[in-house]
């Protein structure tokens, strides 16, 4: 459930350098009303949230947060990054599968097959359950390392250096 973020309102008001009085004047409402919004004693209407966002030159999503404390824009950014990492992971996995096919690898205990299975687990488990950017940073670092390894592996097979 989404709710108004009084903390973000205060944070962005202060970043903009507005006093309660200045923001109230811009919004054409009484200063105590702005104060009540920031204290959580009063919930602004959707129309007022839009006016506040415009006055602070931010997205309305910055003033709306999920119950877990993440704003809608943070939640969107996490979802978008997950999708990008899924695509990145799928590209690496495709290279591994192609390598398996070209080299005729048909052994579930072969290191390349195990690496592919692990990469599938990252796509289907770790990315699915990741909840914050720090966790996604960790997954991205892992995927970048795997990508480098797979590219070197492909080159080694091309040169005939791997049996």
Protein backbone atom coordinates (compact mmCIF):
# COMPACT_ATOMS: atom_id res chain seq x y z
CA UNK A 1 0.00 0.00 0.00
CA UNK A 2 1.35 3.41 -0.96
CA UNK A 3 1.31 6.35 1.43
CA UNK A 4 2.48 9.95 1.57
CA UNK A 5 6.12 10.32 2.63
CA UNK A 6 6.33 13.13 5.17
CA UNK A 7 10.09 12.49 5.48
CA UNK A 8 10.66 13.00 1.77
CA UNK A 9 8.55 16.15 1.75
CA UNK A 10 10.70 17.68 4.47
CA UNK A 11 13.92 16.43 2.88
CA UNK A 12 13.11 17.91 -0.53
CA UNK A 13 11.75 21.15 0.96
CA UNK A 14 15.02 21.61 2.84
CA UNK A 15 17.10 20.67 -0.22
CA UNK A 16 15.20 23.31 -2.18
CA UNK A 17 15.97 25.81 0.60
CA UNK A 18 12.34 26.61 1.35
CA UNK A 19 11.04 27.44 4.80
CA UNK A 20 7.60 26.20 5.84
CA UNK A 21 6.28 29.70 5.20
CA UNK A 22 7.77 29.91 1.71
CA UNK A 23 6.38 26.55 0.66
CA UNK A 24 2.98 27.42 2.12
CA UNK A 25 2.92 30.63 0.10
CA UNK A 26 3.82 28.77 -3.13
CA UNK A 27 1.13 26.16 -2.43
CA UNK A 28 -1.36 28.86 -1.45
CA UNK A 29 -2.16 27.15 1.87
CA UNK A 30 -1.57 28.01 5.52
CA UNK A 31 1.86 27.35 7.06
CA UNK A 32 0.37 25.09 9.80
CA UNK A 33 -1.06 22.85 7.06
CA UNK A 34 2.41 22.35 5.55
CA UNK A 35 3.72 21.64 9.03
CA UNK A 36 0.98 19.05 9.61
CA UNK A 37 1.87 17.32 6.34
CA UNK A 38 5.52 17.07 7.43
CA UNK A 39 4.59 15.86 10.92
CA UNK A 40 2.21 13.27 9.53
CA UNK A 41 -0.72 14.80 11.39
CA UNK A 42 -2.52 15.39 8.11
CA UNK A 43 -2.46 13.56 4.78
CA UNK A 44 -2.51 15.73 1.64
CA UNK A 45 -4.87 14.93 -1.21
CA UNK A 46 -3.47 13.54 -4.44
CA UNK A 47 -4.02 16.95 -5.99
CA UNK A 48 -1.99 18.59 -3.21
CA UNK A 49 0.77 15.97 -3.54
CA UNK A 50 1.03 16.96 -7.20
CA UNK A 51 1.23 20.67 -6.25
CA UNK A 52 3.92 19.93 -3.64
CA UNK A 53 5.93 17.88 -6.15
CA UNK A 54 5.70 20.68 -8.72
CA UNK A 55 6.75 23.28 -6.16
CA UNK A 56 9.74 21.18 -5.09
CA UNK A 57 10.52 20.27 -8.73
CA UNK A 58 10.43 16.53 -8.08
CA UNK A 59 8.37 13.59 -9.26
CA UNK A 60 5.18 12.80 -7.35
CA UNK A 61 6.68 9.35 -6.84
CA UNK A 62 9.28 10.89 -4.52
CA UNK A 63 6.44 11.88 -2.19
CA UNK A 64 4.76 8.48 -2.22
CA UNK A 65 6.32 5.44 -0.57
CA UNK A 66 5.51 1.82 -0.08
CA UNK A 67 4.91 0.57 3.44
CA UNK A 68 8.43 -0.90 3.50
CA UNK A 69 9.80 2.64 3.33
CA UNK A 70 10.88 2.67 -0.30
CA UNK A 71 9.53 5.39 -2.52
CA UNK A 72 7.80 4.32 -5.69
CA UNK A 73 10.74 5.64 -7.74
CA UNK A 74 13.17 3.53 -5.67
CA UNK A 75 10.98 0.48 -6.17
CA UNK A 76 10.78 1.20 -9.91
CA UNK A 77 14.57 1.64 -10.10
CA UNK A 78 15.10 -1.73 -8.39
CA UNK A 79 12.62 -3.45 -10.72
CA UNK A 80 14.21 -1.86 -13.79
CA UNK A 81 17.71 -2.86 -12.67
CA UNK A 82 16.54 -6.43 -12.04
CA UNK A 83 15.26 -6.60 -15.61
CA UNK A 84 18.52 -5.24 -17.00
CA UNK A 85 20.51 -7.78 -14.97
CA UNK A 86 18.22 -10.60 -16.14
CA UNK A 87 18.98 -9.64 -19.75
CA UNK A 88 22.71 -9.40 -18.99
CA UNK A 89 22.61 -12.83 -17.34
CA UNK A 90 20.63 -14.30 -20.24
CA UNK A 91 23.29 -13.10 -22.69
CA UNK A 92 26.04 -14.80 -20.69
CA UNK A 93 23.96 -17.97 -20.39
CA UNK A 94 23.37 -17.99 -24.16
CA UNK A 95 27.15 -17.91 -24.74
CA UNK A 96 27.59 -20.84 -22.35
CA UNK A 97 24.86 -22.88 -24.04
CA UNK A 98 26.35 -22.15 -27.47
CA UNK A 99 29.76 -23.23 -26.19
CA UNK A 100 28.26 -26.46 -24.84
CA UNK A 101 26.61 -27.17 -28.19
CA UNK A 102 29.64 -26.31 -30.33
CA UNK A 103 31.97 -28.35 -28.17
CA UNK A 104 29.53 -31.24 -27.76
CA UNK A 105 29.49 -30.99 -23.97
CA UNK A 106 26.76 -33.31 -22.71
CA UNK A 107 27.80 -33.98 -19.13
CA UNK A 108 25.79 -32.55 -16.24
CA UNK A 109 28.95 -32.57 -14.11
CA UNK A 110 31.08 -30.66 -16.63
CA UNK A 111 32.24 -27.31 -15.15
CA UNK A 112 30.63 -25.34 -17.99
CA UNK A 113 27.28 -27.07 -17.40
CA UNK A 114 27.54 -26.42 -13.66
CA UNK A 115 28.36 -22.77 -14.34
CA UNK A 116 25.29 -22.51 -16.57
CA UNK A 117 23.11 -24.07 -13.86
CA UNK A 118 24.51 -21.59 -11.34
CA UNK A 119 23.79 -18.71 -13.69
CA UNK A 120 20.21 -19.94 -14.09
CA UNK A 121 19.87 -19.95 -10.31
CA UNK A 122 21.06 -16.33 -10.21
CA UNK A 123 18.39 -15.41 -12.78
CA UNK A 124 15.58 -17.38 -11.18
CA UNK A 125 16.34 -16.99 -7.48
CA UNK A 126 18.81 -14.29 -6.46
CA UNK A 127 17.48 -11.64 -8.84
CA UNK A 128 13.88 -12.52 -8.03
CA UNK A 129 14.36 -12.08 -4.28
CA UNK A 130 16.78 -9.13 -4.32
CA UNK A 131 15.27 -6.20 -2.42
CA UNK A 132 17.79 -3.38 -2.60
CA UNK A 133 20.47 -1.81 -4.78
CA UNK A 134 23.32 -3.10 -2.60
CA UNK A 135 22.22 -6.66 -3.26
CA UNK A 136 21.86 -5.91 -6.97
CA UNK A 137 25.38 -4.39 -6.98
CA UNK A 138 26.69 -7.69 -5.61
CA UNK A 139 24.84 -9.71 -8.26
CA UNK A 140 26.06 -7.39 -11.01
CA UNK A 141 29.67 -7.78 -9.82
CA UNK A 142 29.27 -11.56 -9.89
CA UNK A 143 27.78 -11.44 -13.41
CA UNK A 144 30.58 -9.19 -14.67
CA UNK A 145 33.15 -11.65 -13.36
CA UNK A 146 31.34 -14.56 -14.98
CA UNK A 147 31.10 -12.64 -18.26
CA UNK A 148 34.87 -12.08 -18.32
CA UNK A 149 35.48 -15.74 -17.50
CA UNK A 150 33.08 -16.95 -20.21
CA UNK A 151 34.63 -14.66 -22.84
CA UNK A 152 38.11 -15.99 -21.97
CA UNK A 153 36.76 -19.55 -22.04
CA UNK A 154 35.24 -19.04 -25.50
CA UNK A 155 38.54 -17.61 -26.79
CA UNK A 156 40.45 -20.53 -25.29
CA UNK A 157 38.17 -23.03 -27.03
CA UNK A 158 38.56 -21.14 -30.32
CA UNK A 159 42.35 -21.37 -30.01
CA UNK A 160 42.12 -25.02 -29.02
CA UNK A 161 43.76 -24.44 -25.64
CA UNK A 162 41.03 -26.16 -23.63
CA UNK A 163 40.46 -29.89 -23.83
